[in-house]
C-alpha atoms as a PDB file:
ATOM      1  CA  MET A   1      11.856  15.274 -29.288  1.00  0.00           C
ATOM      2  CA  GLU A   2      14.806  13.596 -27.501  1.00  0.00           C
ATOM      3  CA  THR A   3      14.336  10.051 -26.918  1.00  0.00           C
ATOM      4  CA  LEU A   4      14.144   9.845 -23.208  1.00  0.00           C
ATOM      5  CA  THR A   5      11.704  12.725 -23.149  1.00  0.00           C
ATOM      6  CA  ILE A   6       9.469  10.491 -25.291  1.00  0.00           C
ATOM      7  CA  LEU A   7       9.745   7.281 -23.757  1.00  0.00           C
ATOM      8  CA  LYS A   8       8.613   9.258 -20.509  1.00  0.00           C
ATOM      9  CA  VAL A   9       5.171  10.264 -22.423  1.00  0.00           C
ATOM     10  CA  ALA A  10       4.735   7.260 -23.682  1.00  0.00           C
ATOM     11  CA  HIS A  11       5.136   5.570 -20.234  1.00  0.00           C
ATOM     12  CA  VAL A  12       2.827   7.972 -18.421  1.00  0.00           C
ATOM     13  CA  ILE A  13      -0.040   7.794 -21.037  1.00  0.00           C
ATOM     14  CA  ALA A  14       0.341   3.757 -20.641  1.00  0.00           C
ATOM     15  CA  THR A  15      -0.002   4.125 -16.715  1.00  0.00           C
ATOM     16  CA  VAL A  16      -2.994   6.660 -17.189  1.00  0.00           C
ATOM     17  CA  LEU A  17      -4.618   4.454 -19.711  1.00  0.00           C
ATOM     18  CA  LEU A  18      -4.744   1.860 -17.545  1.00  0.00           C
ATOM     19  CA  LEU A  19      -5.670   3.032 -14.759  1.00  0.00           C
ATOM     20  CA  ALA A  20      -8.455   5.731 -16.031  1.00  0.00           C
ATOM     21  CA  GLY A  21      -9.591   2.403 -17.911  1.00  0.00           C
ATOM     22  CA  VAL A  22     -10.063   0.248 -14.543  1.00  0.00           C
ATOM     23  CA  LEU A  23     -11.648   2.914 -12.854  1.00  0.00           C
ATOM     24  CA  GLY A  24     -14.033   3.430 -15.775  1.00  0.00           C
ATOM     25  CA  LEU A  25     -14.840  -0.120 -15.821  1.00  0.00           C
ATOM     26  CA  ALA A  26     -15.153  -0.058 -12.284  1.00  0.00           C
ATOM     27  CA  ILE A  27     -17.216   2.748 -11.993  1.00  0.00           C
ATOM     28  CA  TRP A  28     -19.579   1.633 -14.913  1.00  0.00           C
ATOM     29  CA  VAL A  29     -20.583  -1.862 -12.683  1.00  0.00           C
ATOM     30  CA  TRP A  30     -20.705   0.335  -9.361  1.00  0.00           C
ATOM     31  CA  ARG A  31     -23.136   2.128 -11.159  1.00  0.00           C
ATOM     32  CA  THR A  32     -25.038  -0.603 -12.700  1.00  0.00           C
ATOM     33  CA  ARG A  33     -24.674  -2.835  -9.502  1.00  0.00           C
ATOM     34  CA  ARG A  34     -26.450  -0.217  -7.619  1.00  0.00           C
ATOM     35  CA  ASN A  35     -29.418   0.347  -9.890  1.00  0.00           C
ATOM     36  CA  GLY A  36     -30.202  -3.345  -9.180  1.00  0.00           C
ATOM     37  CA  ASP A  37     -28.423  -5.070 -12.258  1.00  0.00           C
ATOM     38  CA  ALA A  38     -26.698  -8.053 -10.562  1.00  0.00           C
ATOM     39  CA  THR A  39     -25.304  -8.869 -14.284  1.00  0.00           C
ATOM     40  CA  ALA A  40     -23.159  -6.167 -14.329  1.00  0.00           C
ATOM     41  CA  ALA A  41     -19.816  -7.828 -13.782  1.00  0.00           C
ATOM     42  CA  ALA A  42     -21.170 -10.249 -16.941  1.00  0.00           C
ATOM     43  CA  ARG A  43     -21.522  -7.657 -19.414  1.00  0.00           C
ATOM     44  CA  THR A  44     -18.009  -6.290 -18.663  1.00  0.00           C
ATOM     45  CA  LEU A  45     -16.179  -7.673 -21.428  1.00  0.00           C
ATOM     46  CA  GLN A  46     -19.285  -7.096 -24.143  1.00  0.00           C
ATOM     47  CA  ARG A  47     -18.532  -5.548 -26.980  1.00  0.00           C
ATOM     48  CA  PRO A  48     -19.429  -1.489 -25.644  1.00  0.00           C
ATOM     49  CA  ARG A  49     -16.434  -2.442 -23.491  1.00  0.00           C
ATOM     50  CA  LEU A  50     -14.197  -4.381 -25.420  1.00  0.00           C
ATOM     51  CA  PHE A  51     -12.054  -1.099 -27.048  1.00  0.00           C
ATOM     52  CA  VAL A  52     -11.667  -0.415 -23.351  1.00  0.00           C
ATOM     53  CA  TRP A  53     -10.196  -3.628 -22.524  1.00  0.00           C
ATOM     54  CA  LEU A  54      -7.903  -3.629 -25.417  1.00  0.00           C
ATOM     55  CA  VAL A  55      -6.364  -0.487 -24.559  1.00  0.00           C
ATOM     56  CA  MET A  56      -5.860  -2.006 -21.192  1.00  0.00           C
ATOM     57  CA  GLY A  57      -3.988  -4.753 -22.523  1.00  0.00           C
ATOM     58  CA  LEU A  58      -1.575  -2.739 -25.257  1.00  0.00           C
ATOM     59  CA  SER A  59      -0.777  -0.447 -21.970  1.00  0.00           C
ATOM     60  CA  LEU A  60      -0.063  -3.859 -19.824  1.00  0.00           C
ATOM     61  CA  ALA A  61       2.069  -4.705 -22.126  1.00  0.00           C
ATOM     62  CA  SER A  62       4.134  -1.994 -23.326  1.00  0.00           C
ATOM     63  CA  LEU A  63       4.794  -0.375 -19.715  1.00  0.00           C
ATOM     64  CA  PRO A  64       8.168  -3.507 -19.142  1.00  0.00           C
ATOM     65  CA  PHE A  65       9.396  -1.928 -22.923  1.00  0.00           C
ATOM     66  CA  THR A  66       9.024   1.391 -22.186  1.00  0.00           C
ATOM     67  CA  GLY A  67      10.017   1.481 -18.659  1.00  0.00           C
ATOM     68  CA  TRP A  68      13.214  -0.590 -19.262  1.00  0.00           C
ATOM     69  CA  TRP A  69      13.736   1.376 -22.368  1.00  0.00           C
ATOM     70  CA  MET A  70      14.206   4.438 -19.830  1.00  0.00           C
ATOM     71  CA  VAL A  71      16.282   3.141 -17.629  1.00  0.00           C
ATOM     72  CA  HIS A  72      18.322   2.010 -19.985  1.00  0.00           C
ATOM     73  CA  GLN A  73      18.982   5.020 -21.607  1.00  0.00           C
ATOM     74  CA  VAL A  74      19.363   7.379 -17.723  1.00  0.00           C
ATOM     75  CA  GLY A  75      22.421   4.117 -17.943  1.00  0.00           C
ATOM     76  CA  TRP A  76      20.708   3.410 -14.081  1.00  0.00           C
ATOM     77  CA  PRO A  77      21.894  -0.168 -12.755  1.00  0.00           C
ATOM     78  CA  LEU A  78      19.013  -2.881 -12.717  1.00  0.00           C
ATOM     79  CA  GLY A  79      19.457  -3.908  -9.120  1.00  0.00           C
ATOM     80  CA  GLN A  80      18.887  -1.222  -7.641  1.00  0.00           C
ATOM     81  CA  THR A  81      15.776  -1.919  -4.594  1.00  0.00           C
ATOM     82  CA  TRP A  82      12.920   0.448  -6.274  1.00  0.00           C
ATOM     83  CA  LEU A  83      13.590  -0.980  -9.510  1.00  0.00           C
ATOM     84  CA  LEU A  84      13.586  -4.743  -8.424  1.00  0.00           C
ATOM     85  CA  ALA A  85      10.140  -3.852  -6.234  1.00  0.00           C
ATOM     86  CA  SER A  86       8.613  -2.183  -8.673  1.00  0.00           C
ATOM     87  CA  SER A  87       9.808  -4.669 -11.314  1.00  0.00           C
ATOM     88  CA  VAL A  88       8.391  -7.622  -8.690  1.00  0.00           C
ATOM     89  CA  LEU A  89       5.140  -5.696  -7.939  1.00  0.00           C
ATOM     90  CA  TYR A  90       4.416  -5.319 -11.612  1.00  0.00           C
ATOM     91  CA  THR A  91       4.701  -8.994 -12.363  1.00  0.00           C
ATOM     92  CA  LEU A  92       2.367  -9.838  -9.450  1.00  0.00           C
ATOM     93  CA  ALA A  93      -0.358  -6.871 -10.323  1.00  0.00           C
ATOM     94  CA  ALA A  94      -0.133  -8.382 -14.074  1.00  0.00           C
ATOM     95  CA  LEU A  95      -0.750 -11.703 -13.316  1.00  0.00           C
ATOM     96  CA  ALA A  96      -3.562 -10.972 -10.910  1.00  0.00           C
ATOM     97  CA  GLY A  97      -4.923  -9.048 -13.664  1.00  0.00           C
ATOM     98  CA  PHE A  98      -5.117 -11.519 -15.877  1.00  0.00           C
ATOM     99  CA  TRP A  99      -6.839 -14.020 -13.378  1.00  0.00           C
ATOM    100  CA  LEU A 100      -9.208 -11.059 -13.466  1.00  0.00           C
ATOM    101  CA  VAL A 101     -10.290 -11.606 -16.680  1.00  0.00           C
ATOM    102  CA  VAL A 102     -10.386 -15.075 -17.071  1.00  0.00           C
ATOM    103  CA  ARG A 103     -12.986 -15.338 -13.623  1.00  0.00           C
ATOM    104  CA  LEU A 104     -14.400 -12.249 -15.195  1.00  0.00           C
ATOM    105  CA  ASN A 105     -14.973 -14.059 -18.387  1.00  0.00           C
ATOM    106  CA  LYS A 106     -16.399 -17.305 -16.696  1.00  0.00           C
ATOM    107  CA  MET A 107     -18.664 -14.719 -14.558  1.00  0.00           C
ATOM    108  CA  ARG A 108     -19.562 -13.928 -17.846  1.00  0.00           C
ATOM    109  CA  LYS A 109     -20.431 -17.420 -19.314  1.00  0.00           C
ATOM    110  CA  ALA A 110     -22.405 -17.809 -16.087  1.00  0.00           C
ATOM    111  CA  PRO A 111     -23.691 -15.623 -14.060  1.00  0.00           C
ATOM    112  CA  GLY A 112     -24.333 -15.801 -10.076  1.00  0.00           C
ATOM    113  CA  GLY A 113     -21.927 -16.625  -7.940  1.00  0.00           C
ATOM    114  CA  SER A 114     -20.154 -14.286  -5.360  1.00  0.00           C
ATOM    115  CA  GLY A 115     -17.568 -11.780  -6.721  1.00  0.00           C
ATOM    116  CA  LYS A 116     -15.562 -10.929  -3.334  1.00  0.00           C
ATOM    117  CA  PHE A 117     -11.959 -12.882  -4.801  1.00  0.00           C
ATOM    118  CA  THR A 118     -12.400 -11.272  -7.857  1.00  0.00           C
ATOM    119  CA  PHE A 119     -13.216  -8.000  -6.503  1.00  0.00           C
ATOM    120  CA  ALA A 120      -9.673  -8.612  -4.148  1.00  0.00           C
ATOM    121  CA  LEU A 121      -8.055  -9.752  -7.471  1.00  0.00           C
ATOM    122  CA  ALA A 122      -9.414  -6.174  -8.786  1.00  0.00           C
ATOM    123  CA  LEU A 123      -8.366  -4.202  -5.654  1.00  0.00           C
ATOM    124  CA  PHE A 124      -4.419  -6.063  -5.230  1.00  0.00           C
ATOM    125  CA  SER A 125      -4.058  -5.207  -8.917  1.00  0.00           C
ATOM    126  CA  VAL A 126      -5.065  -1.614  -8.182  1.00  0.00           C
ATOM    127  CA  VAL A 127      -3.020  -0.996  -5.594  1.00  0.00           C
ATOM    128  CA  CYS A 128      -0.315  -2.984  -6.948  1.00  0.00           C
ATOM    129  CA  PHE A 129      -0.207  -0.483  -9.481  1.00  0.00           C
ATOM    130  CA  ILE A 130      -0.188   2.731  -7.310  1.00  0.00           C
ATOM    131  CA  ALA A 131       2.619   1.689  -5.256  1.00  0.00           C
ATOM    132  CA  ILE A 132       4.528   1.759  -8.687  1.00  0.00           C
ATOM    133  CA  ALA A 133       3.201   4.430  -9.362  1.00  0.00           C
ATOM    134  CA  GLY A 134       4.637   5.903  -5.926  1.00  0.00           C
ATOM    135  CA  LEU A 135       8.153   3.987  -6.530  1.00  0.00           C
ATOM    136  CA  MET A 136       9.071   5.576  -9.638  1.00  0.00           C
ATOM    137  CA  GLY A 137       7.652   8.965  -8.385  1.00  0.00           C
ATOM    138  CA  ALA A 138       9.683   8.870  -5.145  1.00  0.00           C
ATOM    139  CA  LYS A 139      12.537   7.298  -7.509  1.00  0.00           C
ATOM    140  CA  PRO A 140      14.833   6.558  -4.153  1.00  0.00           C
ATOM    141  CA  VAL A 141      18.343   6.389  -6.386  1.00  0.00           C
END
């Protein structure tokens, strides 16, 4: 396989793993909360789900590298608007994601309280990543 094809596959796999992990954790928390378990958010960082968090972290860390390498291989200038917008959105989404992990860890240690801001952080991150996927798919070169 040629390098660009391998990079595209790695980038898509990292994106799919990241979004699938987020969706899986969200569905798990939603189902347990719907069944009356108020400690569902507190258990999302515990052992059975630790593998999911590690895969999501590795995916999140690999995306900028595979993305930059693909852009370098194709020869696109980094100053294109869609690349700059994707980079800004990625930075904001990653920072919100890290903040979300910190908040979930605090909720795990001290259950209770409102999770509205935590939900807003999660929603913001997901919307940013979907917007990035749209920019990558459209590639208005």
